[in-house]
């Protein structure tokens, strides 16, 4: 792909910002924050090298499976609810209230309940609690984003379908669904990091889980391995960012009209 001047400027500003941030972090860790167990970039890189790629692949493979499973469940439920909002407007307030409730549920209270209800994870397996929290974490944003996308359809096109005898379902399949795709992919982008965070929190609370990012964070915290905690944090940010970026590329490829591309 040929990058425009504006795009190159954006990338340059982003790279410069990262460089300045790393420099500021390095300076702070070696000066006035030296006594607060803040590792330098070199310490973090050395810890990455010491643990090796196999270690991170092992723990992240478990968390990513939980997040992906919860993401599919949560997005599927949310899209079904959003469709019902458009096809049966009378139940829209109930559905939106349910979506708000899933967003307002305190994780600290919900996680122990799910841990008791779900089976204990087998060694090397995944945590059902992490999957459930990943699903719950994406319902609200996906319902709201999908409904807004469905409602962004051109009213003239909807009127044409209605004049020709089309039902509300035909309006949805012929007009609203296509019109909502750009907003829907944006919503799915936001949901991906949320699902990963939900899975991570579920692992952190579920002490029965042996392998995963959550257990590794918990052990590193208890052992005061500050550099390891930072490597895990950076790795989580990279994984979430990649998921966000990949879904964004899919959206741009499937909905080129959203960017003015024929």
C-alpha atoms as a PDB file:
ATOM      1  CA  UNK A   1       0.000   0.000   0.000  1.00  0.00           C
ATOM      2  CA  UNK A   2       1.162   3.515  -0.791  1.00  0.00           C
ATOM      3  CA  UNK A   3       1.053   5.729   2.279  1.00  0.00           C
ATOM      4  CA  UNK A   4      -0.197   9.275   1.982  1.00  0.00           C
ATOM      5  CA  UNK A   5       1.709  12.241   3.367  1.00  0.00           C
ATOM      6  CA  UNK A   6      -0.811  12.596   6.196  1.00  0.00           C
ATOM      7  CA  UNK A   7      -0.451   8.925   7.073  1.00  0.00           C
ATOM      8  CA  UNK A   8       3.335   9.136   7.105  1.00  0.00           C
ATOM      9  CA  UNK A   9       3.110  12.199   9.337  1.00  0.00           C
ATOM     10  CA  UNK A  10       0.840  10.322  11.743  1.00  0.00           C
ATOM     11  CA  UNK A  11       3.220   7.349  11.873  1.00  0.00           C
ATOM     12  CA  UNK A  12       6.207   9.646  12.404  1.00  0.00           C
ATOM     13  CA  UNK A  13       4.502  11.460  15.258  1.00  0.00           C
ATOM     14  CA  UNK A  14       3.573   8.134  16.839  1.00  0.00           C
ATOM     15  CA  UNK A  15       7.122   6.782  16.614  1.00  0.00           C
ATOM     16  CA  UNK A  16       8.540  10.013  18.012  1.00  0.00           C
ATOM     17  CA  UNK A  17       6.069   9.895  20.899  1.00  0.00           C
ATOM     18  CA  UNK A  18       7.075   6.326  21.760  1.00  0.00           C
ATOM     19  CA  UNK A  19      10.769   7.229  21.680  1.00  0.00           C
ATOM     20  CA  UNK A  20      10.226  10.215  23.963  1.00  0.00           C
ATOM     21  CA  UNK A  21       8.098   8.137  26.324  1.00  0.00           C
ATOM     22  CA  UNK A  22      10.772   5.434  26.593  1.00  0.00           C
ATOM     23  CA  UNK A  23      13.436   8.083  27.187  1.00  0.00           C
ATOM     24  CA  UNK A  24      11.358   9.694  29.923  1.00  0.00           C
ATOM     25  CA  UNK A  25      10.714   6.286  31.504  1.00  0.00           C
ATOM     26  CA  UNK A  26      14.444   5.463  31.437  1.00  0.00           C
ATOM     27  CA  UNK A  27      15.371   8.814  32.955  1.00  0.00           C
ATOM     28  CA  UNK A  28      12.766   8.530  35.711  1.00  0.00           C
ATOM     29  CA  UNK A  29      13.717   4.931  36.581  1.00  0.00           C
ATOM     30  CA  UNK A  30      17.376   5.862  37.023  1.00  0.00           C
ATOM     31  CA  UNK A  31      16.852   9.126  38.940  1.00  0.00           C
ATOM     32  CA  UNK A  32      14.010  10.143  41.249  1.00  0.00           C
ATOM     33  CA  UNK A  33      12.138   6.792  40.942  1.00  0.00           C
ATOM     34  CA  UNK A  34      15.226   4.649  41.499  1.00  0.00           C
ATOM     35  CA  UNK A  35      14.064   3.621  44.977  1.00  0.00           C
ATOM     36  CA  UNK A  36      10.567   2.559  43.894  1.00  0.00           C
ATOM     37  CA  UNK A  37      11.455  -0.679  42.068  1.00  0.00           C
ATOM     38  CA  UNK A  38      10.766   0.768  38.624  1.00  0.00           C
ATOM     39  CA  UNK A  39      12.762  -1.277  36.076  1.00  0.00           C
ATOM     40  CA  UNK A  40      14.583   0.389  33.217  1.00  0.00           C
ATOM     41  CA  UNK A  41      13.906  -0.548  29.576  1.00  0.00           C
ATOM     42  CA  UNK A  42      17.098  -2.612  29.651  1.00  0.00           C
ATOM     43  CA  UNK A  43      15.840  -4.568  32.676  1.00  0.00           C
ATOM     44  CA  UNK A  44      12.564  -5.282  30.939  1.00  0.00           C
ATOM     45  CA  UNK A  45      14.310  -6.373  27.742  1.00  0.00           C
ATOM     46  CA  UNK A  46      16.655  -8.645  29.707  1.00  0.00           C
ATOM     47  CA  UNK A  47      13.676 -10.255  31.421  1.00  0.00           C
ATOM     48  CA  UNK A  48      12.063 -10.876  28.034  1.00  0.00           C
ATOM     49  CA  UNK A  49      15.258 -12.537  26.870  1.00  0.00           C
ATOM     50  CA  UNK A  50      15.654 -14.539  30.083  1.00  0.00           C
ATOM     51  CA  UNK A  51      12.149 -16.011  29.989  1.00  0.00           C
ATOM     52  CA  UNK A  52      12.195 -16.630  26.259  1.00  0.00           C
ATOM     53  CA  UNK A  53       9.452 -16.651  23.669  1.00  0.00           C
ATOM     54  CA  UNK A  54       8.288 -20.161  24.642  1.00  0.00           C
ATOM     55  CA  UNK A  55       7.280 -18.966  28.111  1.00  0.00           C
ATOM     56  CA  UNK A  56       5.100 -16.132  26.819  1.00  0.00           C
ATOM     57  CA  UNK A  57       3.622 -18.292  24.081  1.00  0.00           C
ATOM     58  CA  UNK A  58       2.631 -20.919  26.653  1.00  0.00           C
ATOM     59  CA  UNK A  59       0.822 -18.576  29.035  1.00  0.00           C
ATOM     60  CA  UNK A  60      -0.703 -16.317  26.389  1.00  0.00           C
ATOM     61  CA  UNK A  61      -2.076 -19.272  24.404  1.00  0.00           C
ATOM     62  CA  UNK A  62      -4.329 -20.118  27.366  1.00  0.00           C
ATOM     63  CA  UNK A  63      -5.504 -16.544  27.931  1.00  0.00           C
ATOM     64  CA  UNK A  64      -6.097 -15.943  24.231  1.00  0.00           C
ATOM     65  CA  UNK A  65      -8.246 -19.067  23.984  1.00  0.00           C
ATOM     66  CA  UNK A  66     -10.380 -17.842  26.865  1.00  0.00           C
ATOM     67  CA  UNK A  67     -10.599 -14.333  25.434  1.00  0.00           C
ATOM     68  CA  UNK A  68     -11.460 -15.533  21.923  1.00  0.00           C
ATOM     69  CA  UNK A  69     -14.151 -17.881  23.193  1.00  0.00           C
ATOM     70  CA  UNK A  70     -15.659 -15.203  25.420  1.00  0.00           C
ATOM     71  CA  UNK A  71     -15.402 -12.668  22.590  1.00  0.00           C
ATOM     72  CA  UNK A  72     -17.410 -14.872  20.239  1.00  0.00           C
ATOM     73  CA  UNK A  73     -20.030 -15.617  22.873  1.00  0.00           C
ATOM     74  CA  UNK A  74     -20.358 -12.006  23.999  1.00  0.00           C
ATOM     75  CA  UNK A  75     -20.434 -10.521  20.501  1.00  0.00           C
ATOM     76  CA  UNK A  76     -22.934 -13.152  19.355  1.00  0.00           C
ATOM     77  CA  UNK A  77     -25.287 -12.416  22.253  1.00  0.00           C
ATOM     78  CA  UNK A  78     -24.911  -8.669  21.773  1.00  0.00           C
ATOM     79  CA  UNK A  79     -25.646  -8.795  18.041  1.00  0.00           C
ATOM     80  CA  UNK A  80     -28.763 -10.893  18.609  1.00  0.00           C
ATOM     81  CA  UNK A  81     -29.960  -8.377  21.206  1.00  0.00           C
ATOM     82  CA  UNK A  82     -29.230  -5.462  18.856  1.00  0.00           C
ATOM     83  CA  UNK A  83     -31.218  -7.119  16.068  1.00  0.00           C
ATOM     84  CA  UNK A  84     -34.169  -7.583  18.421  1.00  0.00           C
ATOM     85  CA  UNK A  85     -33.958  -3.889  19.323  1.00  0.00           C
ATOM     86  CA  UNK A  86     -34.428  -2.987  15.660  1.00  0.00           C
ATOM     87  CA  UNK A  87     -37.052  -5.608  14.791  1.00  0.00           C
ATOM     88  CA  UNK A  88     -39.097  -5.423  18.002  1.00  0.00           C
ATOM     89  CA  UNK A  89     -38.814  -1.819  19.246  1.00  0.00           C
ATOM     90  CA  UNK A  90     -41.178  -2.457  22.177  1.00  0.00           C
ATOM     91  CA  UNK A  91     -38.601  -4.564  23.988  1.00  0.00           C
ATOM     92  CA  UNK A  92     -35.745  -2.152  23.256  1.00  0.00           C
ATOM     93  CA  UNK A  93     -35.805  -0.554  26.763  1.00  0.00           C
ATOM     94  CA  UNK A  94     -35.557  -3.963  28.429  1.00  0.00           C
ATOM     95  CA  UNK A  95     -32.636  -5.031  26.234  1.00  0.00           C
ATOM     96  CA  UNK A  96     -30.764  -1.780  26.746  1.00  0.00           C
ATOM     97  CA  UNK A  97     -31.272  -2.033  30.512  1.00  0.00           C
ATOM     98  CA  UNK A  98     -29.865  -5.557  30.418  1.00  0.00           C
ATOM     99  CA  UNK A  99     -26.832  -4.310  28.467  1.00  0.00           C
ATOM    100  CA  UNK A 100     -26.257  -1.537  31.007  1.00  0.00           C
ATOM    101  CA  UNK A 101     -26.489  -4.058  33.859  1.00  0.00           C
ATOM    102  CA  UNK A 102     -23.758  -6.220  32.286  1.00  0.00           C
ATOM    103  CA  UNK A 103     -21.571  -3.113  32.148  1.00  0.00           C
ATOM    104  CA  UNK A 104     -22.269  -2.084  35.746  1.00  0.00           C
ATOM    105  CA  UNK A 105     -21.757  -5.486  37.358  1.00  0.00           C
ATOM    106  CA  UNK A 106     -18.735  -5.236  39.694  1.00  0.00           C
ATOM    107  CA  UNK A 107     -16.073  -7.728  38.654  1.00  0.00           C
ATOM    108  CA  UNK A 108     -14.889  -8.110  42.254  1.00  0.00           C
ATOM    109  CA  UNK A 109     -18.311  -9.475  43.230  1.00  0.00           C
ATOM    110  CA  UNK A 110     -19.116 -11.337  40.017  1.00  0.00           C
ATOM    111  CA  UNK A 111     -15.838 -13.245  39.710  1.00  0.00           C
ATOM    112  CA  UNK A 112     -16.139 -15.197  43.005  1.00  0.00           C
ATOM    113  CA  UNK A 113     -19.700 -16.192  42.100  1.00  0.00           C
ATOM    114  CA  UNK A 114     -18.585 -17.509  38.712  1.00  0.00           C
ATOM    115  CA  UNK A 115     -15.644 -19.346  40.286  1.00  0.00           C
ATOM    116  CA  UNK A 116     -18.033 -21.206  42.624  1.00  0.00           C
ATOM    117  CA  UNK A 117     -20.542 -21.951  39.860  1.00  0.00           C
ATOM    118  CA  UNK A 118     -18.040 -23.137  37.226  1.00  0.00           C
ATOM    119  CA  UNK A 119     -15.965 -26.280  37.316  1.00  0.00           C
ATOM    120  CA  UNK A 120     -12.376 -26.192  38.537  1.00  0.00           C
ATOM    121  CA  UNK A 121     -10.012 -25.845  35.553  1.00  0.00           C
ATOM    122  CA  UNK A 122      -7.952 -28.898  34.716  1.00  0.00           C
ATOM    123  CA  UNK A 123      -4.172 -28.538  34.656  1.00  0.00           C
ATOM    124  CA  UNK A 124      -3.191 -26.894  31.396  1.00  0.00           C
ATOM    125  CA  UNK A 125      -6.823 -26.109  30.577  1.00  0.00           C
ATOM    126  CA  UNK A 126      -8.761 -22.874  30.452  1.00  0.00           C
ATOM    127  CA  UNK A 127     -10.866 -21.119  33.064  1.00  0.00           C
ATOM    128  CA  UNK A 128     -14.618 -20.913  32.470  1.00  0.00           C
ATOM    129  CA  UNK A 129     -14.701 -17.879  34.758  1.00  0.00           C
ATOM    130  CA  UNK A 130     -12.258 -16.057  32.484  1.00  0.00           C
ATOM    131  CA  UNK A 131     -14.356 -16.933  29.437  1.00  0.00           C
ATOM    132  CA  UNK A 132     -17.538 -15.723  31.118  1.00  0.00           C
ATOM    133  CA  UNK A 133     -15.983 -12.419  32.165  1.00  0.00           C
ATOM    134  CA  UNK A 134     -14.610 -11.927  28.648  1.00  0.00           C
ATOM    135  CA  UNK A 135     -18.109 -12.400  27.232  1.00  0.00           C
ATOM    136  CA  UNK A 136     -19.723 -10.076  29.758  1.00  0.00           C
ATOM    137  CA  UNK A 137     -17.077  -7.405  29.093  1.00  0.00           C
ATOM    138  CA  UNK A 138     -18.090  -6.965  25.439  1.00  0.00           C
ATOM    139  CA  UNK A 139     -21.892  -7.109  25.583  1.00  0.00           C
ATOM    140  CA  UNK A 140     -22.610  -3.475  26.453  1.00  0.00           C
ATOM    141  CA  UNK A 141     -20.269  -1.821  23.948  1.00  0.00           C
ATOM    142  CA  UNK A 142     -21.294  -4.195  21.162  1.00  0.00           C
ATOM    143  CA  UNK A 143     -25.030  -3.719  21.732  1.00  0.00           C
ATOM    144  CA  UNK A 144     -24.722   0.071  21.793  1.00  0.00           C
ATOM    145  CA  UNK A 145     -22.393   0.206  18.789  1.00  0.00           C
ATOM    146  CA  UNK A 146     -24.510  -2.201  16.729  1.00  0.00           C
ATOM    147  CA  UNK A 147     -27.746  -0.347  17.489  1.00  0.00           C
ATOM    148  CA  UNK A 148     -26.167   2.979  16.541  1.00  0.00           C
ATOM    149  CA  UNK A 149     -24.876   1.408  13.347  1.00  0.00           C
ATOM    150  CA  UNK A 150     -28.271  -0.035  12.447  1.00  0.00           C
ATOM    151  CA  UNK A 151     -29.925   3.322  13.082  1.00  0.00           C
ATOM    152  CA  UNK A 152     -27.433   5.134  10.834  1.00  0.00           C
ATOM    153  CA  UNK A 153     -29.128   3.748   7.716  1.00  0.00           C
ATOM    154  CA  UNK A 154     -30.361   6.242   5.151  1.00  0.00           C
ATOM    155  CA  UNK A 155     -34.009   7.012   5.818  1.00  0.00           C
ATOM    156  CA  UNK A 156     -34.783   7.445   2.105  1.00  0.00           C
ATOM    157  CA  UNK A 157     -33.594   3.907   1.369  1.00  0.00           C
ATOM    158  CA  UNK A 158     -35.712   2.579   4.219  1.00  0.00           C
ATOM    159  CA  UNK A 159     -38.740   4.436   2.840  1.00  0.00           C
ATOM    160  CA  UNK A 160     -38.182   2.924  -0.602  1.00  0.00           C
ATOM    161  CA  UNK A 161     -38.241  -0.586   0.836  1.00  0.00           C
ATOM    162  CA  UNK A 162     -41.385   0.222   2.798  1.00  0.00           C
ATOM    163  CA  UNK A 163     -43.156   1.764  -0.221  1.00  0.00           C
ATOM    164  CA  UNK A 164     -42.524  -1.395  -2.227  1.00  0.00           C
ATOM    165  CA  UNK A 165     -44.145  -3.472   0.504  1.00  0.00           C
ATOM    166  CA  UNK A 166     -41.006  -4.527   2.316  1.00  0.00           C
ATOM    167  CA  UNK A 167     -41.247  -5.578   5.936  1.00  0.00           C
ATOM    168  CA  UNK A 168     -39.122  -4.376   8.826  1.00  0.00           C
ATOM    169  CA  UNK A 169     -37.010  -7.498   8.403  1.00  0.00           C
ATOM    170  CA  UNK A 170     -36.364  -6.681   4.742  1.00  0.00           C
ATOM    171  CA  UNK A 171     -35.430  -3.130   5.697  1.00  0.00           C
ATOM    172  CA  UNK A 172     -32.956  -4.602   8.114  1.00  0.00           C
ATOM    173  CA  UNK A 173     -31.365  -7.111   5.731  1.00  0.00           C
ATOM    174  CA  UNK A 174     -31.331  -4.855   2.635  1.00  0.00           C
ATOM    175  CA  UNK A 175     -30.426  -1.488   4.160  1.00  0.00           C
ATOM    176  CA  UNK A 176     -29.597  -1.402   7.852  1.00  0.00           C
ATOM    177  CA  UNK A 177     -27.182  -4.340   7.883  1.00  0.00           C
ATOM    178  CA  UNK A 178     -25.015  -2.938   5.084  1.00  0.00           C
ATOM    179  CA  UNK A 179     -25.128   0.600   6.448  1.00  0.00           C
ATOM    180  CA  UNK A 180     -24.049  -0.569   9.915  1.00  0.00           C
ATOM    181  CA  UNK A 181     -20.891  -2.428   8.849  1.00  0.00           C
ATOM    182  CA  UNK A 182     -18.383   0.433   9.366  1.00  0.00           C
ATOM    183  CA  UNK A 183     -19.728   1.233  12.837  1.00  0.00           C
ATOM    184  CA  UNK A 184     -20.027  -2.465  13.612  1.00  0.00           C
ATOM    185  CA  UNK A 185     -16.373  -3.161  12.835  1.00  0.00           C
ATOM    186  CA  UNK A 186     -15.363  -0.202  14.975  1.00  0.00           C
ATOM    187  CA  UNK A 187     -17.384  -1.699  17.802  1.00  0.00           C
ATOM    188  CA  UNK A 188     -15.755  -5.095  17.281  1.00  0.00           C
ATOM    189  CA  UNK A 189     -12.356  -3.400  17.467  1.00  0.00           C
ATOM    190  CA  UNK A 190     -13.195  -1.945  20.855  1.00  0.00           C
ATOM    191  CA  UNK A 191     -14.593  -5.268  22.070  1.00  0.00           C
ATOM    192  CA  UNK A 192     -11.388  -7.229  21.363  1.00  0.00           C
ATOM    193  CA  UNK A 193      -9.185  -5.562  24.038  1.00  0.00           C
ATOM    194  CA  UNK A 194     -12.161  -5.593  26.420  1.00  0.00           C
ATOM    195  CA  UNK A 195     -12.526  -9.359  26.005  1.00  0.00           C
ATOM    196  CA  UNK A 196      -8.821  -9.882  26.648  1.00  0.00           C
ATOM    197  CA  UNK A 197      -9.005  -7.748  29.778  1.00  0.00           C
ATOM    198  CA  UNK A 198     -12.051  -9.676  31.008  1.00  0.00           C
ATOM    199  CA  UNK A 199     -10.248 -12.996  30.497  1.00  0.00           C
ATOM    200  CA  UNK A 200      -7.185 -11.650  32.281  1.00  0.00           C
ATOM    201  CA  UNK A 201      -9.229 -10.530  35.289  1.00  0.00           C
ATOM    202  CA  UNK A 202     -10.977 -13.888  35.399  1.00  0.00           C
ATOM    203  CA  UNK A 203      -7.650 -15.676  35.493  1.00  0.00           C
ATOM    204  CA  UNK A 204      -6.346 -13.354  38.182  1.00  0.00           C
ATOM    205  CA  UNK A 205      -9.280 -14.117  40.467  1.00  0.00           C
ATOM    206  CA  UNK A 206      -9.480 -17.844  39.688  1.00  0.00           C
ATOM    207  CA  UNK A 207      -6.674 -19.250  41.817  1.00  0.00           C
ATOM    208  CA  UNK A 208      -7.409 -22.777  40.557  1.00  0.00           C
ATOM    209  CA  UNK A 209      -5.861 -21.921  37.181  1.00  0.00           C
ATOM    210  CA  UNK A 210      -2.213 -22.934  36.868  1.00  0.00           C
ATOM    211  CA  UNK A 211      -1.146 -21.681  33.425  1.00  0.00           C
ATOM    212  CA  UNK A 212      -2.080 -18.291  31.996  1.00  0.00           C
ATOM    213  CA  UNK A 213      -1.198 -14.621  32.098  1.00  0.00           C
ATOM    214  CA  UNK A 214      -3.295 -14.083  35.229  1.00  0.00           C
ATOM    215  CA  UNK A 215      -1.527 -16.734  37.338  1.00  0.00           C
ATOM    216  CA  UNK A 216       1.843 -15.492  36.074  1.00  0.00           C
ATOM    217  CA  UNK A 217       0.988 -11.930  37.104  1.00  0.00           C
ATOM    218  CA  UNK A 218      -0.169 -13.135  40.502  1.00  0.00           C
ATOM    219  CA  UNK A 219       3.037 -15.101  41.135  1.00  0.00           C
ATOM    220  CA  UNK A 220       5.247 -12.278  39.876  1.00  0.00           C
ATOM    221  CA  UNK A 221       3.449  -9.873  42.188  1.00  0.00           C
ATOM    222  CA  UNK A 222       3.899 -12.120  45.221  1.00  0.00           C
ATOM    223  CA  UNK A 223       7.571 -12.752  44.379  1.00  0.00           C
ATOM    224  CA  UNK A 224       8.219  -9.021  43.834  1.00  0.00           C
ATOM    225  CA  UNK A 225       9.501  -9.680  40.295  1.00  0.00           C
ATOM    226  CA  UNK A 226       8.906  -6.166  39.035  1.00  0.00           C
ATOM    227  CA  UNK A 227      10.582  -6.581  35.656  1.00  0.00           C
ATOM    228  CA  UNK A 228       8.506  -9.692  34.919  1.00  0.00           C
ATOM    229  CA  UNK A 229       5.305  -7.824  35.754  1.00  0.00           C
ATOM    230  CA  UNK A 230       6.295  -5.096  33.315  1.00  0.00           C
ATOM    231  CA  UNK A 231       7.073  -7.608  30.556  1.00  0.00           C
ATOM    232  CA  UNK A 232       3.671  -9.213  31.038  1.00  0.00           C
ATOM    233  CA  UNK A 233       2.009  -5.803  30.977  1.00  0.00           C
ATOM    234  CA  UNK A 234       3.752  -4.809  27.751  1.00  0.00           C
ATOM    235  CA  UNK A 235       2.905  -8.177  26.216  1.00  0.00           C
ATOM    236  CA  UNK A 236      -0.772  -7.731  27.093  1.00  0.00           C
ATOM    237  CA  UNK A 237      -0.740  -4.282  25.495  1.00  0.00           C
ATOM    238  CA  UNK A 238       0.882  -5.662  22.337  1.00  0.00           C
ATOM    239  CA  UNK A 239      -1.589  -8.546  22.052  1.00  0.00           C
ATOM    240  CA  UNK A 240      -4.598  -6.264  22.588  1.00  0.00           C
ATOM    241  CA  UNK A 241      -3.226  -3.744  20.106  1.00  0.00           C
ATOM    242  CA  UNK A 242      -2.683  -6.433  17.480  1.00  0.00           C
ATOM    243  CA  UNK A 243      -6.253  -7.676  17.883  1.00  0.00           C
ATOM    244  CA  UNK A 244      -7.533  -4.117  17.529  1.00  0.00           C
ATOM    245  CA  UNK A 245      -5.360  -3.527  14.458  1.00  0.00           C
ATOM    246  CA  UNK A 246      -6.292  -6.781  12.704  1.00  0.00           C
ATOM    247  CA  UNK A 247     -10.020  -6.252  13.136  1.00  0.00           C
ATOM    248  CA  UNK A 248      -9.562  -2.700  11.866  1.00  0.00           C
ATOM    249  CA  UNK A 249      -7.825  -4.000   8.722  1.00  0.00           C
ATOM    250  CA  UNK A 250     -10.675  -6.443   8.176  1.00  0.00           C
ATOM    251  CA  UNK A 251     -13.184  -3.635   8.492  1.00  0.00           C
ATOM    252  CA  UNK A 252     -11.326  -1.447   6.001  1.00  0.00           C
ATOM    253  CA  UNK A 253     -11.110  -4.327   3.527  1.00  0.00           C
ATOM    254  CA  UNK A 254     -14.792  -5.253   3.806  1.00  0.00           C
ATOM    255  CA  UNK A 255     -16.161  -1.685   3.920  1.00  0.00           C
ATOM    256  CA  UNK A 256     -13.948   0.382   1.594  1.00  0.00           C
ATOM    257  CA  UNK A 257     -16.781   2.883   1.028  1.00  0.00           C
ATOM    258  CA  UNK A 258     -16.416   4.025   4.627  1.00  0.00           C
ATOM    259  CA  UNK A 259     -13.062   5.618   3.668  1.00  0.00           C
ATOM    260  CA  UNK A 260     -14.214   6.901   0.293  1.00  0.00           C
ATOM    261  CA  UNK A 261     -12.487   4.064  -1.593  1.00  0.00           C
ATOM    262  CA  UNK A 262     -14.467   2.639  -4.551  1.00  0.00           C
END
